[in-house]
Structures are given as C-alpha cells and as structure tokens.
C-alpha cells in the first residue's frame, strides 16, 4: 500500500470456520479494507479505485513468483519476492526455499541472488556479481528504477537420477508447488 500512496485505516478479515470440505475447497475468506489517501481524503477517482483493486487482487493471489527454468544443461529454481517501498524484502526467503528443496531431497549446487524490475513487457533480469559462487553464498543487490522492484533468489539445482529435473515437467511442477507452499507458510 505504501507503493500506491494509500493508507489502511481499518481492516476486517472473515473466514468460514467450517469450510466447504464436501465441495473440495478450503472455505471462504474475505478481506475488507478501508483506505484513504496519504493526505486523509477518500479515494474517489474510479480509475484509481480500479487500479488499487487490481493490485490488491494480484498481490493476494500471487504475492511471490516461483519457477523452475532450464538454462542449457543447468536447472534453476527462481524465487522472486517484491521489495517494499521502504526497501525491505521478505525475511526467510532463503531459508524457506532451501527447506522446501531439502524436503524433496534435492541438492543445491549453488545460490545466487539478483534483482530485477517488472515491466509491462515482462521480466527483465539484472544479474548481480560474478557467475561463480560457492554453495550457499548469496549476494543481494537492488535495481533503482521507477518500476516495481523484486529480489530474485537463484538456486542452481543438482540433477539426480532419483529426482530428474531436466527431463521431467512433473518433477519441476512438484518443486515449484512445494517451494511456493513452504514460502507461504503451508509447510513448516
């Protein structure tokens, strides 16, 4: 909300305690946010209301990005985390991602962090530092731009015979699902 120059002055969360187990869903959850501009006035512009609604929906459904990509013979897990306007990233990204990989029995060859700016045309990566890192060594950098900033954690994964990543889309999807759920707090 800091990025949008909006302040939340009241919020209410509701959850269906019983859920809808018979329908296969996990219940209904609703969030009501009462916001105002930083000068204390109401948000009356319909375009700004739509932009705010869209941004909140996007951030609620997809607060971070996780993907497994192949770069030649290598396979990488990319975890992209938005950086707040205050310059703070999300804590424990590195720990949670390595915990998810450990749970799947996947070895990490090396780790690298970078930052990128999300533009309308897509994702533009800006690598930070040299290309050779020792395992578990990380370097965090930020790209200064007027667009939204992200921290990107890049994990170079070790392909094994027990859990092949280069040739199996199902295994890649399993890694993405486990990493995303661990980062969101579904697995502890």
N, C-alpha and C. Protein backbone atom coordinates (compact mmCIF):
# COMPACT_ATOMS: atom_id res chain seq x y z
N UNK A 1 0.82 -1.18 0.00
CA UNK A 1 0.00 0.00 0.00
C UNK A 1 0.87 1.25 0.00
N UNK A 2 2.10 1.13 0.53
CA UNK A 2 2.99 2.28 0.53
C UNK A 2 3.34 2.70 -0.89
N UNK A 3 3.45 1.70 -1.77
CA UNK A 3 3.79 1.99 -3.16
C UNK A 3 2.69 2.78 -3.86
N UNK A 4 1.46 2.66 -3.40
CA UNK A 4 0.30 3.32 -4.03
C UNK A 4 -0.07 4.64 -3.36
N UNK A 5 0.69 5.06 -2.35
CA UNK A 5 0.38 6.26 -1.57
C UNK A 5 -1.01 6.16 -0.94
N UNK A 6 -1.31 5.01 -0.39
CA UNK A 6 -2.59 4.73 0.25
C UNK A 6 -2.31 4.24 1.66
N UNK A 7 -3.15 4.63 2.60
CA UNK A 7 -3.04 4.15 3.97
C UNK A 7 -4.29 3.34 4.32
N UNK A 8 -4.08 2.24 5.01
CA UNK A 8 -5.20 1.45 5.51
C UNK A 8 -5.52 1.96 6.90
N UNK A 9 -6.75 2.40 7.11
CA UNK A 9 -7.10 2.86 8.45
C UNK A 9 -8.01 1.88 9.17
N UNK A 10 -8.50 0.86 8.48
CA UNK A 10 -9.27 -0.18 9.14
C UNK A 10 -9.31 -1.40 8.23
N UNK A 11 -9.20 -2.57 8.80
CA UNK A 11 -9.30 -3.81 8.04
C UNK A 11 -10.07 -4.86 8.81
N UNK A 12 -10.75 -5.73 8.08
CA UNK A 12 -11.55 -6.77 8.71
C UNK A 12 -11.37 -8.05 7.90
N UNK A 13 -11.07 -9.15 8.60
CA UNK A 13 -10.90 -10.45 7.97
C UNK A 13 -12.01 -11.37 8.44
N UNK A 14 -12.61 -12.11 7.52
CA UNK A 14 -13.64 -13.08 7.84
C UNK A 14 -13.28 -14.41 7.18
N UNK A 15 -13.57 -15.47 7.91
CA UNK A 15 -13.30 -16.81 7.38
C UNK A 15 -14.46 -17.73 7.74
N UNK A 16 -14.84 -18.56 6.79
CA UNK A 16 -15.85 -19.58 7.04
C UNK A 16 -15.17 -20.68 7.84
N UNK A 17 -15.49 -20.78 9.12
CA UNK A 17 -14.80 -21.72 10.01
C UNK A 17 -15.02 -23.17 9.61
N UNK A 18 -16.20 -23.47 9.11
CA UNK A 18 -16.50 -24.84 8.72
C UNK A 18 -15.86 -25.20 7.40
N UNK A 19 -15.69 -24.24 6.52
CA UNK A 19 -15.16 -24.53 5.20
C UNK A 19 -16.19 -25.23 4.35
N UNK A 20 -15.78 -25.68 3.22
CA UNK A 20 -16.66 -26.41 2.31
C UNK A 20 -15.98 -27.70 1.90
N UNK A 21 -15.70 -28.55 2.88
CA UNK A 21 -14.95 -29.77 2.62
C UNK A 21 -15.67 -30.67 1.62
N UNK A 22 -16.99 -30.63 1.62
CA UNK A 22 -17.72 -31.51 0.70
C UNK A 22 -17.53 -31.08 -0.75
N UNK A 23 -17.28 -29.81 -0.98
CA UNK A 23 -17.08 -29.33 -2.34
C UNK A 23 -15.62 -29.35 -2.75
N UNK A 24 -14.73 -29.72 -1.81
CA UNK A 24 -13.32 -29.82 -2.15
C UNK A 24 -12.57 -28.51 -2.00
N UNK A 25 -13.21 -27.45 -1.53
CA UNK A 25 -12.49 -26.19 -1.35
C UNK A 25 -12.12 -26.03 0.12
N UNK A 26 -11.33 -25.03 0.43
CA UNK A 26 -10.85 -24.85 1.79
C UNK A 26 -11.63 -23.78 2.54
N UNK A 27 -12.82 -23.43 2.12
CA UNK A 27 -13.62 -22.45 2.82
C UNK A 27 -13.54 -21.09 2.17
N UNK A 28 -14.35 -20.19 2.71
CA UNK A 28 -14.43 -18.84 2.16
C UNK A 28 -13.70 -17.88 3.08
N UNK A 29 -12.89 -17.01 2.50
CA UNK A 29 -12.19 -15.98 3.25
C UNK A 29 -12.43 -14.64 2.58
N UNK A 30 -12.73 -13.64 3.38
CA UNK A 30 -12.98 -12.31 2.85
C UNK A 30 -12.14 -11.29 3.60
N UNK A 31 -11.73 -10.26 2.89
CA UNK A 31 -10.98 -9.17 3.48
C UNK A 31 -11.66 -7.87 3.10
N UNK A 32 -11.97 -7.06 4.09
CA UNK A 32 -12.48 -5.71 3.85
C UNK A 32 -11.42 -4.73 4.31
N UNK A 33 -10.99 -3.86 3.42
CA UNK A 33 -10.01 -2.83 3.76
C UNK A 33 -10.63 -1.47 3.54
N UNK A 34 -10.50 -0.61 4.51
CA UNK A 34 -10.96 0.76 4.39
C UNK A 34 -9.71 1.62 4.28
N UNK A 35 -9.58 2.29 3.15
CA UNK A 35 -8.34 3.01 2.85
C UNK A 35 -8.62 4.49 2.63
N UNK A 36 -7.54 5.26 2.72
CA UNK A 36 -7.60 6.68 2.40
C UNK A 36 -6.27 7.08 1.79
N UNK A 37 -6.25 8.21 1.14
CA UNK A 37 -5.01 8.72 0.57
C UNK A 37 -4.14 9.23 1.72
N UNK A 38 -2.85 9.45 1.44
CA UNK A 38 -1.95 9.88 2.50
C UNK A 38 -2.33 11.24 3.07
N UNK A 39 -3.06 12.05 2.30
CA UNK A 39 -3.50 13.35 2.81
C UNK A 39 -4.79 13.25 3.62
N UNK A 40 -5.33 12.04 3.80
CA UNK A 40 -6.52 11.83 4.60
C UNK A 40 -7.83 11.85 3.84
N UNK A 41 -7.79 12.09 2.55
CA UNK A 41 -9.02 12.17 1.76
C UNK A 41 -9.41 10.80 1.23
N UNK A 42 -10.70 10.67 0.86
CA UNK A 42 -11.19 9.43 0.27
C UNK A 42 -10.62 9.23 -1.12
N UNK A 43 -10.56 7.98 -1.55
CA UNK A 43 -10.17 7.65 -2.92
C UNK A 43 -11.45 7.67 -3.75
N UNK A 44 -11.65 8.76 -4.49
CA UNK A 44 -12.90 8.93 -5.25
C UNK A 44 -12.73 8.69 -6.74
N UNK A 45 -11.51 8.72 -7.24
CA UNK A 45 -11.27 8.53 -8.67
C UNK A 45 -11.53 7.06 -9.03
N UNK A 46 -12.50 6.78 -9.94
CA UNK A 46 -12.80 5.39 -10.31
C UNK A 46 -11.60 4.65 -10.91
N UNK A 47 -10.77 5.34 -11.67
CA UNK A 47 -9.60 4.69 -12.27
C UNK A 47 -8.61 4.28 -11.18
N UNK A 48 -8.42 5.12 -10.19
CA UNK A 48 -7.51 4.80 -9.09
C UNK A 48 -8.08 3.66 -8.24
N UNK A 49 -9.40 3.65 -8.05
CA UNK A 49 -10.03 2.56 -7.31
C UNK A 49 -9.86 1.23 -8.04
N UNK A 50 -10.04 1.23 -9.35
CA UNK A 50 -9.86 0.01 -10.14
C UNK A 50 -8.41 -0.47 -10.10
N UNK A 51 -7.47 0.47 -10.21
CA UNK A 51 -6.05 0.11 -10.16
C UNK A 51 -5.70 -0.48 -8.80
N UNK A 52 -6.22 0.12 -7.75
CA UNK A 52 -5.97 -0.36 -6.39
C UNK A 52 -6.58 -1.75 -6.19
N UNK A 53 -7.80 -1.94 -6.64
CA UNK A 53 -8.48 -3.23 -6.53
C UNK A 53 -7.70 -4.32 -7.29
N UNK A 54 -7.26 -3.98 -8.49
CA UNK A 54 -6.49 -4.93 -9.30
C UNK A 54 -5.17 -5.29 -8.62
N UNK A 55 -4.49 -4.30 -8.08
CA UNK A 55 -3.21 -4.52 -7.42
C UNK A 55 -3.38 -5.39 -6.18
N UNK A 56 -4.40 -5.11 -5.39
CA UNK A 56 -4.66 -5.92 -4.20
C UNK A 56 -5.00 -7.36 -4.55
N UNK A 57 -5.81 -7.55 -5.58
CA UNK A 57 -6.17 -8.90 -6.01
C UNK A 57 -4.93 -9.66 -6.47
N UNK A 58 -4.09 -9.00 -7.26
CA UNK A 58 -2.87 -9.63 -7.75
C UNK A 58 -1.93 -9.99 -6.61
N UNK A 59 -1.75 -9.08 -5.66
CA UNK A 59 -0.84 -9.33 -4.54
C UNK A 59 -1.38 -10.41 -3.61
N UNK A 60 -2.68 -10.51 -3.49
CA UNK A 60 -3.27 -11.53 -2.63
C UNK A 60 -3.14 -12.92 -3.25
N UNK A 61 -3.39 -13.01 -4.54
CA UNK A 61 -3.33 -14.31 -5.22
C UNK A 61 -1.91 -14.77 -5.50
N UNK A 62 -1.02 -13.84 -5.83
CA UNK A 62 0.36 -14.19 -6.21
C UNK A 62 1.35 -13.24 -5.54
N UNK A 63 1.58 -13.38 -4.23
CA UNK A 63 2.48 -12.45 -3.55
C UNK A 63 3.95 -12.64 -3.91
N UNK A 64 4.31 -13.78 -4.44
CA UNK A 64 5.67 -14.02 -4.89
C UNK A 64 5.64 -14.94 -6.09
N UNK A 65 6.73 -14.97 -6.83
CA UNK A 65 6.80 -15.79 -8.04
C UNK A 65 7.84 -16.89 -7.83
N UNK A 66 7.47 -18.11 -8.20
CA UNK A 66 8.37 -19.26 -8.09
C UNK A 66 8.32 -20.00 -9.41
N UNK A 67 9.49 -20.32 -9.97
CA UNK A 67 9.53 -21.09 -11.21
C UNK A 67 10.84 -21.87 -11.31
N UNK A 68 10.78 -22.97 -12.02
CA UNK A 68 11.97 -23.76 -12.34
C UNK A 68 12.23 -23.59 -13.82
N UNK A 69 13.45 -23.18 -14.14
CA UNK A 69 13.81 -22.94 -15.54
C UNK A 69 15.06 -23.71 -15.89
N UNK A 70 15.16 -24.07 -17.15
CA UNK A 70 16.36 -24.72 -17.66
C UNK A 70 17.22 -23.71 -18.39
N UNK A 71 18.46 -23.64 -18.03
CA UNK A 71 19.41 -22.75 -18.69
C UNK A 71 20.53 -23.62 -19.26
N UNK A 72 20.31 -24.08 -20.48
CA UNK A 72 21.27 -25.00 -21.08
C UNK A 72 21.22 -26.32 -20.33
N UNK A 73 22.38 -26.81 -19.87
CA UNK A 73 22.38 -28.07 -19.13
C UNK A 73 21.98 -27.90 -17.66
N UNK A 74 21.86 -26.66 -17.19
CA UNK A 74 21.56 -26.40 -15.78
C UNK A 74 20.07 -26.21 -15.55
N UNK A 75 19.64 -26.52 -14.34
CA UNK A 75 18.26 -26.28 -13.92
C UNK A 75 18.30 -25.36 -12.71
N UNK A 76 17.48 -24.29 -12.75
CA UNK A 76 17.48 -23.31 -11.68
C UNK A 76 16.08 -23.15 -11.09
N UNK A 77 16.04 -22.96 -9.78
CA UNK A 77 14.81 -22.54 -9.11
C UNK A 77 14.93 -21.04 -8.89
N UNK A 78 13.96 -20.29 -9.41
CA UNK A 78 13.94 -18.83 -9.24
C UNK A 78 12.80 -18.48 -8.29
N UNK A 79 13.12 -17.73 -7.25
CA UNK A 79 12.12 -17.23 -6.31
C UNK A 79 12.20 -15.71 -6.35
N UNK A 80 11.13 -15.08 -6.83
CA UNK A 80 11.09 -13.62 -6.93
C UNK A 80 10.17 -13.07 -5.85
N UNK A 81 10.70 -12.15 -5.09
CA UNK A 81 10.00 -11.57 -3.96
C UNK A 81 9.93 -10.06 -4.12
N UNK A 82 8.75 -9.45 -4.01
CA UNK A 82 8.67 -8.00 -4.16
C UNK A 82 9.35 -7.27 -3.01
N UNK A 83 9.95 -6.13 -3.32
CA UNK A 83 10.59 -5.29 -2.33
C UNK A 83 9.64 -4.14 -2.01
N UNK A 84 9.44 -3.87 -0.73
CA UNK A 84 8.56 -2.78 -0.32
C UNK A 84 9.16 -1.43 -0.68
N UNK A 85 8.34 -0.40 -0.60
CA UNK A 85 8.81 0.96 -0.87
C UNK A 85 9.87 1.38 0.15
N UNK A 86 9.81 0.81 1.35
CA UNK A 86 10.81 1.13 2.37
C UNK A 86 12.16 0.48 2.09
N UNK A 87 12.21 -0.39 1.07
CA UNK A 87 13.46 -1.05 0.71
C UNK A 87 13.66 -2.40 1.37
N UNK A 88 12.67 -2.86 2.11
CA UNK A 88 12.79 -4.13 2.82
C UNK A 88 12.20 -5.26 1.99
N UNK A 89 12.92 -6.36 1.95
CA UNK A 89 12.42 -7.56 1.30
C UNK A 89 11.80 -8.47 2.34
N UNK A 90 11.33 -9.62 1.90
CA UNK A 90 10.70 -10.58 2.80
C UNK A 90 11.77 -11.39 3.51
N UNK A 91 11.70 -11.50 4.83
CA UNK A 91 12.69 -12.31 5.54
C UNK A 91 12.43 -13.80 5.30
N UNK A 92 13.44 -14.61 5.49
CA UNK A 92 13.37 -16.07 5.44
C UNK A 92 13.14 -16.66 4.06
N UNK A 93 13.28 -15.91 2.99
CA UNK A 93 13.09 -16.49 1.66
C UNK A 93 14.13 -17.57 1.42
N UNK A 94 15.37 -17.26 1.71
CA UNK A 94 16.47 -18.21 1.51
C UNK A 94 16.24 -19.48 2.34
N UNK A 95 15.91 -19.30 3.61
CA UNK A 95 15.69 -20.45 4.49
C UNK A 95 14.52 -21.30 4.02
N UNK A 96 13.38 -20.68 3.73
CA UNK A 96 12.19 -21.43 3.32
C UNK A 96 12.40 -22.17 2.00
N UNK A 97 13.09 -21.55 1.05
CA UNK A 97 13.33 -22.20 -0.23
C UNK A 97 14.26 -23.41 -0.06
N UNK A 98 15.32 -23.25 0.74
CA UNK A 98 16.22 -24.39 0.96
C UNK A 98 15.54 -25.49 1.76
N UNK A 99 14.64 -25.12 2.67
CA UNK A 99 13.87 -26.11 3.42
C UNK A 99 12.98 -26.93 2.50
N UNK A 100 12.35 -26.28 1.54
CA UNK A 100 11.49 -26.99 0.57
C UNK A 100 12.32 -27.95 -0.28
N UNK A 101 13.48 -27.50 -0.73
CA UNK A 101 14.33 -28.36 -1.55
C UNK A 101 14.86 -29.54 -0.74
N UNK A 102 15.21 -29.29 0.51
CA UNK A 102 15.69 -30.36 1.38
C UNK A 102 14.60 -31.41 1.59
N UNK A 103 13.36 -30.96 1.77
CA UNK A 103 12.24 -31.89 1.98
C UNK A 103 12.04 -32.80 0.76
N UNK A 104 12.35 -32.29 -0.42
CA UNK A 104 12.22 -33.09 -1.65
C UNK A 104 13.48 -33.91 -1.94
N UNK A 105 14.53 -33.70 -1.16
CA UNK A 105 15.78 -34.42 -1.37
C UNK A 105 16.59 -33.91 -2.54
N UNK A 106 16.42 -32.63 -2.87
CA UNK A 106 17.14 -32.03 -3.99
C UNK A 106 18.36 -31.29 -3.45
N UNK A 107 19.51 -31.58 -4.05
CA UNK A 107 20.74 -30.91 -3.65
C UNK A 107 20.87 -29.58 -4.38
N UNK A 108 21.42 -28.60 -3.68
CA UNK A 108 21.65 -27.28 -4.26
C UNK A 108 23.11 -27.19 -4.63
N UNK A 109 23.37 -26.89 -5.89
CA UNK A 109 24.75 -26.76 -6.35
C UNK A 109 25.31 -25.41 -5.95
N UNK A 110 24.57 -24.34 -6.18
CA UNK A 110 24.99 -23.00 -5.76
C UNK A 110 23.78 -22.09 -5.69
N UNK A 111 23.96 -20.96 -5.01
CA UNK A 111 22.89 -19.99 -4.83
C UNK A 111 23.40 -18.63 -5.25
N UNK A 112 22.52 -17.87 -5.88
CA UNK A 112 22.86 -16.53 -6.32
C UNK A 112 21.62 -15.67 -6.18
N UNK A 113 21.79 -14.44 -5.79
CA UNK A 113 20.64 -13.54 -5.74
C UNK A 113 20.86 -12.40 -6.71
N UNK A 114 19.77 -11.87 -7.19
CA UNK A 114 19.82 -10.75 -8.12
C UNK A 114 18.56 -9.93 -7.91
N UNK A 115 18.49 -8.82 -8.57
CA UNK A 115 17.25 -8.05 -8.51
C UNK A 115 16.80 -7.79 -9.92
N UNK A 116 15.50 -7.65 -10.12
CA UNK A 116 15.00 -7.29 -11.43
C UNK A 116 13.80 -6.38 -11.29
N UNK A 117 13.50 -5.73 -12.36
CA UNK A 117 12.40 -4.79 -12.39
C UNK A 117 11.30 -5.40 -13.25
N UNK A 118 10.08 -5.41 -12.75
CA UNK A 118 8.95 -5.94 -13.50
C UNK A 118 8.41 -4.84 -14.39
N UNK A 119 8.46 -5.04 -15.67
CA UNK A 119 7.92 -4.07 -16.60
C UNK A 119 6.69 -4.66 -17.26
N UNK A 120 5.99 -3.86 -17.99
CA UNK A 120 4.76 -4.33 -18.64
C UNK A 120 5.06 -5.42 -19.66
N UNK A 121 6.20 -5.33 -20.33
CA UNK A 121 6.52 -6.30 -21.37
C UNK A 121 6.98 -7.64 -20.81
N UNK A 122 7.30 -7.71 -19.53
CA UNK A 122 7.74 -8.97 -18.96
C UNK A 122 8.79 -8.76 -17.90
N UNK A 123 9.54 -9.80 -17.61
CA UNK A 123 10.55 -9.73 -16.58
C UNK A 123 11.91 -9.49 -17.19
N UNK A 124 12.61 -8.51 -16.67
CA UNK A 124 13.94 -8.18 -17.14
C UNK A 124 14.90 -8.46 -16.00
N UNK A 125 15.79 -9.42 -16.16
CA UNK A 125 16.71 -9.80 -15.10
C UNK A 125 17.99 -8.99 -15.18
N UNK A 126 18.49 -8.58 -14.03
CA UNK A 126 19.77 -7.91 -13.91
C UNK A 126 20.60 -8.73 -12.93
N UNK A 127 21.55 -9.51 -13.42
CA UNK A 127 22.37 -10.34 -12.54
C UNK A 127 23.31 -9.47 -11.73
N UNK A 128 23.59 -9.90 -10.53
CA UNK A 128 24.47 -9.19 -9.63
C UNK A 128 25.70 -10.04 -9.39
N UNK A 129 26.88 -9.47 -9.51
CA UNK A 129 28.11 -10.17 -9.17
C UNK A 129 28.58 -11.12 -10.25
N UNK A 130 29.59 -11.91 -9.88
CA UNK A 130 30.17 -12.85 -10.84
C UNK A 130 29.31 -14.09 -10.94
N UNK A 131 29.63 -14.94 -11.91
CA UNK A 131 28.80 -16.11 -12.17
C UNK A 131 29.19 -17.32 -11.34
N UNK A 132 30.33 -17.28 -10.64
CA UNK A 132 30.72 -18.44 -9.86
C UNK A 132 30.62 -18.13 -8.37
N UNK A 133 29.77 -18.89 -7.68
CA UNK A 133 29.57 -18.72 -6.26
C UNK A 133 29.78 -20.06 -5.58
N UNK A 134 30.27 -20.01 -4.36
CA UNK A 134 30.34 -21.22 -3.56
C UNK A 134 28.93 -21.57 -3.10
N UNK A 135 28.66 -22.84 -2.80
CA UNK A 135 27.32 -23.18 -2.33
C UNK A 135 26.91 -22.36 -1.11
N UNK A 136 25.67 -21.92 -1.11
CA UNK A 136 25.04 -21.16 -0.04
C UNK A 136 25.61 -19.76 0.15
N UNK A 137 26.41 -19.27 -0.76
CA UNK A 137 26.86 -17.89 -0.68
C UNK A 137 25.89 -17.04 -1.48
N UNK A 138 25.45 -15.95 -0.91
CA UNK A 138 24.46 -15.11 -1.57
C UNK A 138 24.88 -13.65 -1.53
N UNK A 139 24.50 -12.94 -2.55
CA UNK A 139 24.76 -11.50 -2.62
C UNK A 139 23.46 -10.84 -3.06
N UNK A 140 23.03 -9.84 -2.32
CA UNK A 140 21.77 -9.18 -2.63
C UNK A 140 22.06 -7.81 -3.20
N UNK A 141 21.42 -7.50 -4.31
CA UNK A 141 21.55 -6.18 -4.92
C UNK A 141 20.18 -5.67 -5.31
N UNK A 142 20.08 -4.38 -5.49
CA UNK A 142 18.81 -3.76 -5.88
C UNK A 142 19.01 -2.92 -7.12
N UNK A 143 18.01 -2.94 -7.96
CA UNK A 143 18.00 -2.13 -9.18
C UNK A 143 17.13 -0.91 -8.92
N UNK A 144 17.70 0.28 -9.07
CA UNK A 144 16.95 1.52 -8.86
C UNK A 144 16.23 1.89 -10.15
N UNK A 145 14.91 1.95 -10.08
CA UNK A 145 14.08 2.35 -11.22
C UNK A 145 12.73 2.79 -10.70
N UNK A 146 11.95 3.41 -11.55
CA UNK A 146 10.63 3.87 -11.12
C UNK A 146 9.61 2.74 -11.08
N UNK A 147 9.92 1.61 -11.70
CA UNK A 147 9.00 0.46 -11.71
C UNK A 147 9.09 -0.29 -10.38
N UNK A 148 8.39 -1.37 -10.26
CA UNK A 148 8.39 -2.21 -9.07
C UNK A 148 9.68 -3.00 -8.96
N UNK A 149 10.22 -3.12 -7.77
CA UNK A 149 11.46 -3.84 -7.53
C UNK A 149 11.19 -5.23 -6.96
N UNK A 150 12.05 -6.17 -7.33
CA UNK A 150 11.95 -7.55 -6.86
C UNK A 150 13.33 -8.02 -6.44
N UNK A 151 13.38 -8.90 -5.44
CA UNK A 151 14.58 -9.66 -5.11
C UNK A 151 14.40 -11.03 -5.75
N UNK A 152 15.44 -11.50 -6.41
CA UNK A 152 15.35 -12.81 -7.04
C UNK A 152 16.44 -13.70 -6.46
N UNK A 153 16.02 -14.83 -5.96
CA UNK A 153 16.94 -15.84 -5.45
C UNK A 153 17.04 -16.93 -6.50
N UNK A 154 18.27 -17.21 -6.91
CA UNK A 154 18.51 -18.22 -7.95
C UNK A 154 19.25 -19.39 -7.34
N UNK A 155 18.63 -20.57 -7.38
CA UNK A 155 19.22 -21.78 -6.84
C UNK A 155 19.56 -22.69 -8.01
N UNK A 156 20.85 -22.94 -8.22
CA UNK A 156 21.29 -23.88 -9.25
C UNK A 156 21.16 -25.28 -8.65
N UNK A 157 20.26 -26.07 -9.22
CA UNK A 157 19.92 -27.37 -8.64
C UNK A 157 20.76 -28.48 -9.25
N UNK A 158 21.05 -29.46 -8.43
CA UNK A 158 21.81 -30.63 -8.86
C UNK A 158 20.82 -31.69 -9.34
N UNK A 159 20.91 -32.06 -10.60
CA UNK A 159 20.01 -33.06 -11.17
C UNK A 159 20.46 -34.45 -10.73
N UNK A 160 19.51 -35.26 -10.25
CA UNK A 160 19.85 -36.60 -9.79
C UNK A 160 19.01 -37.64 -10.54
N UNK A 161 19.44 -38.89 -10.46
CA UNK A 161 18.70 -39.97 -11.11
C UNK A 161 17.39 -40.25 -10.39
N UNK A 162 17.37 -40.04 -9.06
CA UNK A 162 16.16 -40.30 -8.28
C UNK A 162 15.07 -39.25 -8.53
N UNK A 163 15.49 -38.01 -8.80
CA UNK A 163 14.54 -36.91 -8.98
C UNK A 163 15.01 -36.04 -10.14
N UNK A 164 14.87 -36.55 -11.38
CA UNK A 164 15.37 -35.78 -12.53
C UNK A 164 14.53 -34.53 -12.78
N UNK A 165 15.20 -33.41 -12.95
CA UNK A 165 14.50 -32.14 -13.19
C UNK A 165 14.57 -31.71 -14.64
N UNK A 166 15.68 -32.01 -15.29
CA UNK A 166 15.87 -31.54 -16.67
C UNK A 166 14.86 -32.16 -17.63
N UNK A 167 14.48 -33.40 -17.38
CA UNK A 167 13.61 -34.10 -18.34
C UNK A 167 12.18 -34.30 -17.86
N UNK A 168 11.86 -33.91 -16.63
CA UNK A 168 10.54 -34.21 -16.09
C UNK A 168 9.79 -32.94 -15.69
N UNK A 169 8.74 -32.62 -16.44
CA UNK A 169 7.90 -31.46 -16.13
C UNK A 169 7.14 -31.68 -14.83
N UNK A 170 6.75 -32.91 -14.55
CA UNK A 170 6.03 -33.22 -13.31
C UNK A 170 6.91 -32.94 -12.09
N UNK A 171 8.19 -33.31 -12.17
CA UNK A 171 9.10 -33.05 -11.06
C UNK A 171 9.33 -31.55 -10.88
N UNK A 172 9.43 -30.82 -11.98
CA UNK A 172 9.59 -29.36 -11.89
C UNK A 172 8.37 -28.73 -11.23
N UNK A 173 7.18 -29.17 -11.62
CA UNK A 173 5.96 -28.65 -11.01
C UNK A 173 5.88 -28.99 -9.53
N UNK A 174 6.38 -30.16 -9.16
CA UNK A 174 6.41 -30.57 -7.76
C UNK A 174 7.33 -29.64 -6.96
N UNK A 175 8.48 -29.29 -7.52
CA UNK A 175 9.42 -28.38 -6.86
C UNK A 175 8.78 -27.00 -6.69
N UNK A 176 8.15 -26.49 -7.74
CA UNK A 176 7.51 -25.17 -7.68
C UNK A 176 6.40 -25.17 -6.63
N UNK A 177 5.57 -26.21 -6.63
CA UNK A 177 4.46 -26.29 -5.69
C UNK A 177 4.96 -26.36 -4.25
N UNK A 178 5.95 -27.20 -4.00
CA UNK A 178 6.48 -27.34 -2.64
C UNK A 178 7.16 -26.05 -2.18
N UNK A 179 7.94 -25.41 -3.05
CA UNK A 179 8.61 -24.17 -2.67
C UNK A 179 7.59 -23.07 -2.39
N UNK A 180 6.60 -22.93 -3.25
CA UNK A 180 5.58 -21.90 -3.05
C UNK A 180 4.82 -22.12 -1.74
N UNK A 181 4.41 -23.36 -1.48
CA UNK A 181 3.67 -23.64 -0.25
C UNK A 181 4.53 -23.42 1.00
N UNK A 182 5.80 -23.76 0.93
CA UNK A 182 6.69 -23.53 2.07
C UNK A 182 6.88 -22.03 2.30
N UNK A 183 7.08 -21.28 1.22
CA UNK A 183 7.25 -19.83 1.35
C UNK A 183 5.99 -19.15 1.87
N UNK A 184 4.82 -19.70 1.56
CA UNK A 184 3.56 -19.13 2.01
C UNK A 184 3.16 -19.62 3.41
N UNK A 185 3.97 -20.53 3.99
CA UNK A 185 3.71 -20.98 5.35
C UNK A 185 2.81 -22.19 5.46
N UNK A 186 2.56 -22.89 4.37
CA UNK A 186 1.69 -24.07 4.43
C UNK A 186 2.43 -25.28 4.97
N UNK A 187 3.75 -25.35 4.80
CA UNK A 187 4.57 -26.43 5.36
C UNK A 187 5.52 -25.81 6.36
N UNK A 188 5.70 -26.47 7.48
CA UNK A 188 6.66 -25.97 8.48
C UNK A 188 7.69 -27.01 8.78
